[in-house]
Amino acid sequence: MMRLLAVVALTAAELCPPCFRLQNALHGNRTRQSLRWLHVPKTGSTFQNTVFHWACPGLPHRAGYGPGATPIRFAKLYDGSQLNRTLCDRDVDQTLPGHKPASMDRVDDTVAMFRRPAQRILSAFRDRKHADGFQDRDKAPNWRDLNASGYARHPGIAGCTTRMLLGAKCAHVHQKSEETARATNEAARGGGLPVAKATAVVRRLAFVGLQERWADSICLFHAMLGGAPRKIEFVVAHSRRRRGRDAPLVPAPYDEGRLDGFVDAADEAVYAEAARVFEANLRRFAPDCVS
């Protein structure tokens, strides 16, 4: 099991660089009553630690998900549609477990992490060819034998982030209703995904983080939305990654050569917009952090 820092509660000033100006960050400074987490697969499951600690100041500092955490199932904190008011005084839409797509009437309160598409696809491939939304009939007969390049090129795999921003599942499936069909029908016909609509959603999100800049993203989250950061929020890891005393808190990148030149064009455009929004928010909320 990966070793983290001691159990002591660290202050915001100790967790984030001074340029984020979180020295006096308290849970009373939160700017919203509720959030919704858009969890795109393989962008960092440990971001739930940030979202739920934001809503629940009564949680023990090390309670959370992932290596080094005192395990807690955040889904168990709900009393009906609201979070338990003994521990929580804000709400998070119930999107656990799994990967629920964006809700168009909650975009302005939605927070999300983004990851470079090639890295996200390779991570999904390593996670038993993760394809949230697929049914068995969606998988080619040779699905089990696909290498990383073949997996990336399999119909319905690329464009995961784009689809989820438009209200559909990560992996394209046979449509079950007109409402679901509208979000992904163009891609089903081979006409490409409506990237402009997805990037417009990115610009409306309450928070945009980058998995590759995890620590800066966590600090920026609190600079924008308030709340006191916890040490447990700064670990990004997946259970299938190597763990151990010397394992890094942020995983090393995968070898993208395994994709044989494949480019997820839709998600690359979405990621570029997410990176632009992230940098703009960094300049606005933590200008001294911009070199």
C-alpha atoms as a PDB file:
ATOM      1  CA  MET A   1       0.000   0.000   0.000  1.00  0.00           C
ATOM      2  CA  MET A   2       1.285   3.421  -0.903  1.00  0.00           C
ATOM      3  CA  ARG A   3       2.462   5.485   2.045  1.00  0.00           C
ATOM      4  CA  LEU A   4       1.067   8.999   2.338  1.00  0.00           C
ATOM      5  CA  LEU A   5       1.870  11.792   4.727  1.00  0.00           C
ATOM      6  CA  ALA A   6       1.098  11.586   8.419  1.00  0.00           C
ATOM      7  CA  VAL A   7      -2.445  11.753   9.725  1.00  0.00           C
ATOM      8  CA  VAL A   8      -2.045  15.328  10.923  1.00  0.00           C
ATOM      9  CA  ALA A   9      -4.342  17.879   9.308  1.00  0.00           C
ATOM     10  CA  LEU A  10      -2.327  20.167   7.069  1.00  0.00           C
ATOM     11  CA  THR A  11      -3.339  23.757   6.431  1.00  0.00           C
ATOM     12  CA  ALA A  12      -4.209  25.097   3.003  1.00  0.00           C
ATOM     13  CA  ALA A  13      -0.956  27.059   2.989  1.00  0.00           C
ATOM     14  CA  GLU A  14       1.012  23.834   3.459  1.00  0.00           C
ATOM     15  CA  LEU A  15      -0.848  21.988   0.685  1.00  0.00           C
ATOM     16  CA  CYS A  16      -0.984  24.672  -2.016  1.00  0.00           C
ATOM     17  CA  PRO A  17       1.650  27.205  -3.101  1.00  0.00           C
ATOM     18  CA  PRO A  18       1.160  30.711  -1.634  1.00  0.00           C
ATOM     19  CA  CYS A  19       0.231  32.046  -5.087  1.00  0.00           C
ATOM     20  CA  PHE A  20      -3.162  30.330  -4.732  1.00  0.00           C
ATOM     21  CA  ARG A  21      -3.857  32.505  -1.679  1.00  0.00           C
ATOM     22  CA  LEU A  22      -5.604  29.741   0.255  1.00  0.00           C
ATOM     23  CA  GLN A  23      -3.898  30.503   3.564  1.00  0.00           C
ATOM     24  CA  ASN A  24      -7.232  31.314   5.214  1.00  0.00           C
ATOM     25  CA  ALA A  25      -9.421  28.997   3.190  1.00  0.00           C
ATOM     26  CA  LEU A  26     -12.286  27.688   5.302  1.00  0.00           C
ATOM     27  CA  HIS A  27     -15.345  25.700   4.411  1.00  0.00           C
ATOM     28  CA  GLY A  28     -17.468  28.775   5.052  1.00  0.00           C
ATOM     29  CA  ASN A  29     -16.177  30.435   1.888  1.00  0.00           C
ATOM     30  CA  ARG A  30     -17.835  28.064  -0.576  1.00  0.00           C
ATOM     31  CA  THR A  31     -19.597  29.814  -3.422  1.00  0.00           C
ATOM     32  CA  ARG A  32     -22.215  27.197  -4.374  1.00  0.00           C
ATOM     33  CA  GLN A  33     -24.818  25.061  -2.678  1.00  0.00           C
ATOM     34  CA  SER A  34     -24.288  21.975  -4.806  1.00  0.00           C
ATOM     35  CA  LEU A  35     -22.053  20.447  -7.458  1.00  0.00           C
ATOM     36  CA  ARG A  36     -22.282  17.667  -9.996  1.00  0.00           C
ATOM     37  CA  TRP A  37     -19.234  15.561 -10.833  1.00  0.00           C
ATOM     38  CA  LEU A  38     -18.787  14.523 -14.456  1.00  0.00           C
ATOM     39  CA  HIS A  39     -16.519  11.506 -14.113  1.00  0.00           C
ATOM     40  CA  VAL A  40     -15.054  10.704 -17.500  1.00  0.00           C
ATOM     41  CA  PRO A  41     -13.460   7.235 -17.192  1.00  0.00           C
ATOM     42  CA  LYS A  42      -9.708   7.207 -16.503  1.00  0.00           C
ATOM     43  CA  THR A  43      -9.444  10.909 -15.652  1.00  0.00           C
ATOM     44  CA  GLY A  44      -8.863  10.333 -11.936  1.00  0.00           C
ATOM     45  CA  SER A  45     -11.335   8.562  -9.667  1.00  0.00           C
ATOM     46  CA  THR A  46      -9.665  10.185  -6.666  1.00  0.00           C
ATOM     47  CA  PHE A  47     -11.191  13.540  -7.666  1.00  0.00           C
ATOM     48  CA  GLN A  48     -14.237  12.350  -5.734  1.00  0.00           C
ATOM     49  CA  ASN A  49     -12.203  13.024  -2.585  1.00  0.00           C
ATOM     50  CA  THR A  50     -12.113  16.717  -3.472  1.00  0.00           C
ATOM     51  CA  VAL A  51     -15.775  16.948  -4.410  1.00  0.00           C
ATOM     52  CA  PHE A  52     -17.101  15.216  -1.298  1.00  0.00           C
ATOM     53  CA  HIS A  53     -14.743  16.872   1.169  1.00  0.00           C
ATOM     54  CA  TRP A  54     -15.906  20.187  -0.315  1.00  0.00           C
ATOM     55  CA  ALA A  55     -19.509  19.273   0.493  1.00  0.00           C
ATOM     56  CA  CYS A  56     -18.847  17.494   3.786  1.00  0.00           C
ATOM     57  CA  PRO A  57     -16.584  19.384   6.218  1.00  0.00           C
ATOM     58  CA  GLY A  58     -17.480  16.847   8.915  1.00  0.00           C
ATOM     59  CA  LEU A  59     -15.611  14.035   7.169  1.00  0.00           C
ATOM     60  CA  PRO A  60     -12.354  12.873   8.774  1.00  0.00           C
ATOM     61  CA  HIS A  61      -9.429  14.380   6.862  1.00  0.00           C
ATOM     62  CA  ARG A  62      -8.211  11.021   5.517  1.00  0.00           C
ATOM     63  CA  ALA A  63     -11.626   9.597   4.645  1.00  0.00           C
ATOM     64  CA  GLY A  64     -11.784   8.894   0.961  1.00  0.00           C
ATOM     65  CA  TYR A  65     -11.103   6.679  -2.020  1.00  0.00           C
ATOM     66  CA  GLY A  66      -7.757   5.391  -3.232  1.00  0.00           C
ATOM     67  CA  PRO A  67      -4.276   4.606  -1.945  1.00  0.00           C
ATOM     68  CA  GLY A  68      -3.595   5.791   1.586  1.00  0.00           C
ATOM     69  CA  ALA A  69      -7.179   6.792   2.299  1.00  0.00           C
ATOM     70  CA  THR A  70      -9.312   5.617   5.181  1.00  0.00           C
ATOM     71  CA  PRO A  71     -11.892   3.844   3.004  1.00  0.00           C
ATOM     72  CA  ILE A  72     -15.354   5.344   2.782  1.00  0.00           C
ATOM     73  CA  ARG A  73     -18.127   4.777   0.265  1.00  0.00           C
ATOM     74  CA  PHE A  74     -19.317   8.265  -0.563  1.00  0.00           C
ATOM     75  CA  ALA A  75     -22.513   6.849  -2.064  1.00  0.00           C
ATOM     76  CA  LYS A  76     -23.474   5.763   1.469  1.00  0.00           C
ATOM     77  CA  LEU A  77     -23.539   9.408   2.624  1.00  0.00           C
ATOM     78  CA  TYR A  78     -26.859  10.069   0.923  1.00  0.00           C
ATOM     79  CA  ASP A  79     -30.172  10.341   2.743  1.00  0.00           C
ATOM     80  CA  GLY A  80     -32.414  10.155  -0.276  1.00  0.00           C
ATOM     81  CA  SER A  81     -31.242  12.782  -2.775  1.00  0.00           C
ATOM     82  CA  GLN A  82     -29.396  14.845  -0.143  1.00  0.00           C
ATOM     83  CA  LEU A  83     -26.117  14.225   1.593  1.00  0.00           C
ATOM     84  CA  ASN A  84     -26.176  13.382   5.292  1.00  0.00           C
ATOM     85  CA  ARG A  85     -26.520  16.665   7.164  1.00  0.00           C
ATOM     86  CA  THR A  86     -24.484  15.405  10.115  1.00  0.00           C
ATOM     87  CA  LEU A  87     -21.327  15.454   7.996  1.00  0.00           C
ATOM     88  CA  CYS A  88     -22.315  17.595   5.021  1.00  0.00           C
ATOM     89  CA  ASP A  89     -23.831  21.035   4.549  1.00  0.00           C
ATOM     90  CA  ARG A  90     -23.677  21.143   0.750  1.00  0.00           C
ATOM     91  CA  ASP A  91     -24.820  18.659  -1.878  1.00  0.00           C
ATOM     92  CA  VAL A  92     -23.300  16.671  -4.717  1.00  0.00           C
ATOM     93  CA  ASP A  93     -25.567  15.154  -7.352  1.00  0.00           C
ATOM     94  CA  GLN A  94     -25.764  11.390  -6.950  1.00  0.00           C
ATOM     95  CA  THR A  95     -23.604  10.171  -9.851  1.00  0.00           C
ATOM     96  CA  LEU A  96     -21.922   7.306  -7.984  1.00  0.00           C
ATOM     97  CA  PRO A  97     -21.177   4.579  -8.772  1.00  0.00           C
ATOM     98  CA  GLY A  98     -20.274   4.620 -12.434  1.00  0.00           C
ATOM     99  CA  HIS A  99     -19.862   7.288 -15.073  1.00  0.00           C
ATOM    100  CA  LYS A 100     -23.060   9.247 -15.611  1.00  0.00           C
ATOM    101  CA  PRO A 101     -22.917  11.691 -18.524  1.00  0.00           C
ATOM    102  CA  ALA A 102     -23.439  15.425 -18.252  1.00  0.00           C
ATOM    103  CA  SER A 103     -26.913  16.677 -17.409  1.00  0.00           C
ATOM    104  CA  MET A 104     -27.752  19.654 -19.598  1.00  0.00           C
ATOM    105  CA  ASP A 105     -29.743  21.379 -16.854  1.00  0.00           C
ATOM    106  CA  ARG A 106     -26.788  21.115 -14.428  1.00  0.00           C
ATOM    107  CA  VAL A 107     -23.856  22.093 -16.636  1.00  0.00           C
ATOM    108  CA  ASP A 108     -23.208  25.353 -14.771  1.00  0.00           C
ATOM    109  CA  ASP A 109     -22.703  23.434 -11.500  1.00  0.00           C
ATOM    110  CA  THR A 110     -20.681  20.582 -13.017  1.00  0.00           C
ATOM    111  CA  VAL A 111     -17.006  19.962 -12.262  1.00  0.00           C
ATOM    112  CA  ALA A 112     -14.738  17.685 -14.284  1.00  0.00           C
ATOM    113  CA  MET A 113     -11.169  16.558 -14.791  1.00  0.00           C
ATOM    114  CA  PHE A 114      -9.838  16.109 -18.323  1.00  0.00           C
ATOM    115  CA  ARG A 115      -6.973  13.939 -19.558  1.00  0.00           C
ATOM    116  CA  ARG A 116      -4.954  13.858 -22.746  1.00  0.00           C
ATOM    117  CA  PRO A 117      -6.979  11.562 -25.036  1.00  0.00           C
ATOM    118  CA  ALA A 118      -4.154   9.185 -25.961  1.00  0.00           C
ATOM    119  CA  GLN A 119      -3.311   8.671 -22.293  1.00  0.00           C
ATOM    120  CA  ARG A 120      -6.963   8.191 -21.372  1.00  0.00           C
ATOM    121  CA  ILE A 121      -7.447   5.573 -24.092  1.00  0.00           C
ATOM    122  CA  LEU A 122      -4.309   3.664 -23.088  1.00  0.00           C
ATOM    123  CA  SER A 123      -5.406   3.699 -19.461  1.00  0.00           C
ATOM    124  CA  ALA A 124      -8.839   2.402 -20.468  1.00  0.00           C
ATOM    125  CA  PHE A 125      -7.231  -0.347 -22.553  1.00  0.00           C
ATOM    126  CA  ARG A 126      -5.149  -1.461 -19.577  1.00  0.00           C
ATOM    127  CA  ASP A 127      -8.271  -1.516 -17.427  1.00  0.00           C
ATOM    128  CA  ARG A 128      -9.696  -4.589 -19.169  1.00  0.00           C
ATOM    129  CA  LYS A 129     -10.645  -2.549 -22.256  1.00  0.00           C
ATOM    130  CA  HIS A 130     -12.918  -0.269 -20.253  1.00  0.00           C
ATOM    131  CA  ALA A 131     -15.938   0.655 -22.395  1.00  0.00           C
ATOM    132  CA  ASP A 132     -18.684   2.131 -20.223  1.00  0.00           C
ATOM    133  CA  GLY A 133     -21.879   2.058 -22.262  1.00  0.00           C
ATOM    134  CA  PHE A 134     -21.058  -0.955 -24.423  1.00  0.00           C
ATOM    135  CA  GLN A 135     -23.172  -4.072 -24.519  1.00  0.00           C
ATOM    136  CA  ASP A 136     -21.805  -7.384 -25.758  1.00  0.00           C
ATOM    137  CA  ARG A 137     -23.378  -6.785 -29.168  1.00  0.00           C
ATOM    138  CA  ASP A 138     -21.313  -3.598 -29.540  1.00  0.00           C
ATOM    139  CA  LYS A 139     -18.016  -5.497 -29.366  1.00  0.00           C
ATOM    140  CA  ALA A 140     -16.360  -6.931 -32.457  1.00  0.00           C
ATOM    141  CA  PRO A 141     -15.865 -10.729 -32.525  1.00  0.00           C
ATOM    142  CA  ASN A 142     -12.125 -10.222 -31.943  1.00  0.00           C
ATOM    143  CA  TRP A 143     -12.643  -7.845 -28.989  1.00  0.00           C
ATOM    144  CA  ARG A 144     -10.730 -10.006 -26.522  1.00  0.00           C
ATOM    145  CA  ASP A 145      -7.706 -10.160 -28.838  1.00  0.00           C
ATOM    146  CA  LEU A 146      -7.445  -6.443 -29.630  1.00  0.00           C
ATOM    147  CA  ASN A 147      -4.186  -4.682 -28.864  1.00  0.00           C
ATOM    148  CA  ALA A 148      -4.104  -1.032 -27.785  1.00  0.00           C
ATOM    149  CA  SER A 149      -4.135   0.234 -31.364  1.00  0.00           C
ATOM    150  CA  GLY A 150      -7.067  -1.974 -32.334  1.00  0.00           C
ATOM    151  CA  TYR A 151      -8.978  -1.001 -29.201  1.00  0.00           C
ATOM    152  CA  ALA A 152      -8.524   2.711 -29.928  1.00  0.00           C
ATOM    153  CA  ARG A 153      -9.813   2.208 -33.481  1.00  0.00           C
ATOM    154  CA  HIS A 154     -12.772   0.035 -32.495  1.00  0.00           C
ATOM    155  CA  PRO A 155     -16.063   1.783 -33.379  1.00  0.00           C
ATOM    156  CA  GLY A 156     -17.457   3.631 -30.375  1.00  0.00           C
ATOM    157  CA  ILE A 157     -14.274   3.903 -28.292  1.00  0.00           C
ATOM    158  CA  ALA A 158     -12.867   7.237 -29.456  1.00  0.00           C
ATOM    159  CA  GLY A 159     -14.827  10.364 -28.582  1.00  0.00           C
ATOM    160  CA  CYS A 160     -15.670   9.256 -25.038  1.00  0.00           C
ATOM    161  CA  THR A 161     -15.222  12.680 -23.421  1.00  0.00           C
ATOM    162  CA  THR A 162     -17.052  14.430 -26.240  1.00  0.00           C
ATOM    163  CA  ARG A 163     -20.029  12.093 -25.959  1.00  0.00           C
ATOM    164  CA  MET A 164     -20.265  12.447 -22.183  1.00  0.00           C
ATOM    165  CA  LEU A 165     -20.283  16.243 -22.435  1.00  0.00           C
ATOM    166  CA  LEU A 166     -23.225  15.908 -24.817  1.00  0.00           C
ATOM    167  CA  GLY A 167     -25.201  13.739 -22.407  1.00  0.00           C
ATOM    168  CA  ALA A 168     -24.376  10.281 -23.761  1.00  0.00           C
ATOM    169  CA  LYS A 169     -22.360   7.364 -22.402  1.00  0.00           C
ATOM    170  CA  CYS A 170     -18.586   7.166 -22.840  1.00  0.00           C
ATOM    171  CA  ALA A 171     -18.700   4.287 -25.326  1.00  0.00           C
ATOM    172  CA  HIS A 172     -21.265   4.498 -28.107  1.00  0.00           C
ATOM    173  CA  VAL A 173     -24.066   1.925 -27.855  1.00  0.00           C
ATOM    174  CA  HIS A 174     -27.059   0.989 -29.958  1.00  0.00           C
ATOM    175  CA  GLN A 175     -29.630   3.683 -29.309  1.00  0.00           C
ATOM    176  CA  LYS A 176     -32.572   2.883 -27.064  1.00  0.00           C
ATOM    177  CA  SER A 177     -34.538   6.127 -27.388  1.00  0.00           C
ATOM    178  CA  GLU A 178     -34.835   9.224 -29.552  1.00  0.00           C
ATOM    179  CA  GLU A 179     -33.447  11.393 -26.752  1.00  0.00           C
ATOM    180  CA  THR A 180     -30.278   9.330 -26.430  1.00  0.00           C
ATOM    181  CA  ALA A 181     -29.963   8.993 -30.190  1.00  0.00           C
ATOM    182  CA  ARG A 182     -29.835  12.744 -30.743  1.00  0.00           C
ATOM    183  CA  ALA A 183     -26.589  13.035 -28.762  1.00  0.00           C
ATOM    184  CA  THR A 184     -24.603  10.465 -30.745  1.00  0.00           C
ATOM    185  CA  ASN A 185     -26.467   9.752 -33.981  1.00  0.00           C
ATOM    186  CA  GLU A 186     -23.983  11.608 -36.163  1.00  0.00           C
ATOM    187  CA  ALA A 187     -21.117   9.474 -34.899  1.00  0.00           C
ATOM    188  CA  ALA A 188     -23.170   6.316 -35.392  1.00  0.00           C
ATOM    189  CA  ARG A 189     -23.460   7.188 -39.082  1.00  0.00           C
ATOM    190  CA  GLY A 190     -19.758   7.974 -39.314  1.00  0.00           C
ATOM    191  CA  GLY A 191     -20.395  11.698 -39.627  1.00  0.00           C
ATOM    192  CA  GLY A 192     -18.276  12.667 -36.648  1.00  0.00           C
ATOM    193  CA  LEU A 193     -19.238  14.069 -33.269  1.00  0.00           C
ATOM    194  CA  PRO A 194     -20.535  17.640 -32.826  1.00  0.00           C
ATOM    195  CA  VAL A 195     -17.317  18.897 -31.255  1.00  0.00           C
ATOM    196  CA  ALA A 196     -18.375  22.557 -31.220  1.00  0.00           C
ATOM    197  CA  LYS A 197     -21.305  21.695 -28.966  1.00  0.00           C
ATOM    198  CA  ALA A 198     -19.025  19.782 -26.614  1.00  0.00           C
ATOM    199  CA  THR A 199     -16.475  22.587 -26.357  1.00  0.00           C
ATOM    200  CA  ALA A 200     -19.315  25.014 -25.621  1.00  0.00           C
ATOM    201  CA  VAL A 201     -20.244  22.795 -22.667  1.00  0.00           C
ATOM    202  CA  VAL A 202     -16.628  22.860 -21.450  1.00  0.00           C
ATOM    203  CA  ARG A 203     -16.770  26.656 -21.319  1.00  0.00           C
ATOM    204  CA  ARG A 204     -19.868  26.535 -19.102  1.00  0.00           C
ATOM    205  CA  LEU A 205     -18.521  24.109 -16.489  1.00  0.00           C
ATOM    206  CA  ALA A 206     -18.116  25.346 -12.918  1.00  0.00           C
ATOM    207  CA  PHE A 207     -14.607  23.900 -12.834  1.00  0.00           C
ATOM    208  CA  VAL A 208     -12.205  22.412 -15.365  1.00  0.00           C
ATOM    209  CA  GLY A 209      -9.149  20.489 -14.155  1.00  0.00           C
ATOM    210  CA  LEU A 210      -6.353  18.669 -15.960  1.00  0.00           C
ATOM    211  CA  GLN A 211      -5.251  15.237 -14.800  1.00  0.00           C
ATOM    212  CA  GLU A 212      -1.703  15.973 -15.940  1.00  0.00           C
ATOM    213  CA  ARG A 213      -1.609  18.981 -13.609  1.00  0.00           C
ATOM    214  CA  TRP A 214      -3.349  17.365 -10.690  1.00  0.00           C
ATOM    215  CA  ALA A 215      -1.957  19.387  -7.768  1.00  0.00           C
ATOM    216  CA  ASP A 216      -2.518  22.704  -9.550  1.00  0.00           C
ATOM    217  CA  SER A 217      -6.028  21.558 -10.435  1.00  0.00           C
ATOM    218  CA  ILE A 218      -6.895  20.717  -6.823  1.00  0.00           C
ATOM    219  CA  CYS A 219      -5.596  24.075  -5.606  1.00  0.00           C
ATOM    220  CA  LEU A 220      -7.435  25.899  -8.400  1.00  0.00           C
ATOM    221  CA  PHE A 221     -10.657  24.080  -7.496  1.00  0.00           C
ATOM    222  CA  HIS A 222     -10.478  25.499  -3.978  1.00  0.00           C
ATOM    223  CA  ALA A 223      -9.445  28.945  -5.208  1.00  0.00           C
ATOM    224  CA  MET A 224     -12.558  29.018  -7.401  1.00  0.00           C
ATOM    225  CA  LEU A 225     -15.129  27.167  -5.305  1.00  0.00           C
ATOM    226  CA  GLY A 226     -13.858  27.516  -1.749  1.00  0.00           C
ATOM    227  CA  GLY A 227     -13.451  24.880   0.890  1.00  0.00           C
ATOM    228  CA  ALA A 228     -10.299  23.709   2.613  1.00  0.00           C
ATOM    229  CA  PRO A 229      -8.065  21.240   0.728  1.00  0.00           C
ATOM    230  CA  ARG A 230      -7.146  17.924   2.349  1.00  0.00           C
ATOM    231  CA  LYS A 231      -3.953  15.975   1.770  1.00  0.00           C
ATOM    232  CA  ILE A 232      -5.948  12.992   0.523  1.00  0.00           C
ATOM    233  CA  GLU A 233      -7.078  15.080  -2.482  1.00  0.00           C
ATOM    234  CA  PHE A 234      -3.594  15.282  -3.953  1.00  0.00           C
ATOM    235  CA  VAL A 235      -3.204  11.598  -4.867  1.00  0.00           C
ATOM    236  CA  VAL A 236      -4.180  10.508  -8.358  1.00  0.00           C
ATOM    237  CA  ALA A 237      -3.895   6.766  -8.779  1.00  0.00           C
ATOM    238  CA  HIS A 238      -5.846   3.761  -9.964  1.00  0.00           C
ATOM    239  CA  SER A 239      -6.071   0.417  -8.250  1.00  0.00           C
ATOM    240  CA  ARG A 240      -4.474  -1.330 -11.257  1.00  0.00           C
ATOM    241  CA  ARG A 241      -1.357   0.813 -11.149  1.00  0.00           C
ATOM    242  CA  ARG A 242       1.779  -0.382  -9.385  1.00  0.00           C
ATOM    243  CA  ARG A 243       1.713   0.469  -5.703  1.00  0.00           C
ATOM    244  CA  GLY A 244       4.511   0.458  -3.233  1.00  0.00           C
ATOM    245  CA  ARG A 245       6.645   2.495  -0.921  1.00  0.00           C
ATOM    246  CA  ASP A 246       8.403   4.277  -3.785  1.00  0.00           C
ATOM    247  CA  ALA A 247       5.457   4.557  -6.192  1.00  0.00           C
ATOM    248  CA  PRO A 248       4.824   8.117  -7.437  1.00  0.00           C
ATOM    249  CA  LEU A 249       1.723  10.012  -6.327  1.00  0.00           C
ATOM    250  CA  VAL A 250       1.070  10.881  -9.982  1.00  0.00           C
ATOM    251  CA  PRO A 251       1.410   7.922 -12.391  1.00  0.00           C
ATOM    252  CA  ALA A 252       3.970   8.086 -15.186  1.00  0.00           C
ATOM    253  CA  PRO A 253       2.575   8.491 -18.731  1.00  0.00           C
ATOM    254  CA  TYR A 254       1.958   5.513 -20.994  1.00  0.00           C
ATOM    255  CA  ASP A 255       3.900   4.864 -24.195  1.00  0.00           C
ATOM    256  CA  GLU A 256       1.688   6.404 -26.889  1.00  0.00           C
ATOM    257  CA  GLY A 257       3.601   4.558 -29.595  1.00  0.00           C
ATOM    258  CA  ARG A 258       1.348   1.603 -28.825  1.00  0.00           C
ATOM    259  CA  LEU A 259      -1.492   3.442 -30.602  1.00  0.00           C
ATOM    260  CA  ASP A 260       0.368   3.280 -33.951  1.00  0.00           C
ATOM    261  CA  GLY A 261      -0.384   6.893 -34.763  1.00  0.00           C
ATOM    262  CA  PHE A 262      -4.071   6.860 -33.835  1.00  0.00           C
ATOM    263  CA  VAL A 263      -5.502  10.285 -32.923  1.00  0.00           C
ATOM    264  CA  ASP A 264      -8.862  10.787 -31.201  1.00  0.00           C
ATOM    265  CA  ALA A 265      -9.680  13.960 -33.134  1.00  0.00           C
ATOM    266  CA  ALA A 266     -12.890  14.869 -31.305  1.00  0.00           C
ATOM    267  CA  ASP A 267     -11.473  14.435 -27.824  1.00  0.00           C
ATOM    268  CA  GLU A 268      -8.235  16.214 -28.803  1.00  0.00           C
ATOM    269  CA  ALA A 269     -10.287  19.296 -29.694  1.00  0.00           C
ATOM    270  CA  VAL A 270     -12.210  19.042 -26.436  1.00  0.00           C
ATOM    271  CA  TYR A 271      -9.012  18.630 -24.417  1.00  0.00           C
ATOM    272  CA  ALA A 272      -7.460  21.655 -26.114  1.00  0.00           C
ATOM    273  CA  GLU A 273     -10.445  23.743 -25.054  1.00  0.00           C
ATOM    274  CA  ALA A 274     -10.309  22.340 -21.516  1.00  0.00           C
ATOM    275  CA  ALA A 275      -6.618  23.272 -21.313  1.00  0.00           C
ATOM    276  CA  ARG A 276      -7.393  26.776 -22.554  1.00  0.00           C
ATOM    277  CA  VAL A 277     -10.155  27.211 -19.955  1.00  0.00           C
ATOM    278  CA  PHE A 278      -7.874  25.848 -17.229  1.00  0.00           C
ATOM    279  CA  GLU A 279      -5.118  28.334 -18.067  1.00  0.00           C
ATOM    280  CA  ALA A 280      -7.618  31.207 -18.244  1.00  0.00           C
ATOM    281  CA  ASN A 281      -8.990  30.332 -14.806  1.00  0.00           C
ATOM    282  CA  LEU A 282      -5.468  30.028 -13.429  1.00  0.00           C
ATOM    283  CA  ARG A 283      -4.677  33.547 -14.671  1.00  0.00           C
ATOM    284  CA  ARG A 284      -7.916  34.843 -13.158  1.00  0.00           C
ATOM    285  CA  PHE A 285      -7.942  33.124  -9.768  1.00  0.00           C
ATOM    286  CA  ALA A 286      -4.223  32.595  -9.157  1.00  0.00           C
ATOM    287  CA  PRO A 287      -2.373  35.087 -11.369  1.00  0.00           C
ATOM    288  CA  ASP A 288       0.800  34.854  -9.305  1.00  0.00           C
ATOM    289  CA  CYS A 289       0.984  31.138 -10.157  1.00  0.00           C
ATOM    290  CA  VAL A 290       1.345  31.850 -13.874  1.00  0.00           C
ATOM    291  CA  SER A 291       4.956  32.031 -14.982  1.00  0.00           C
END
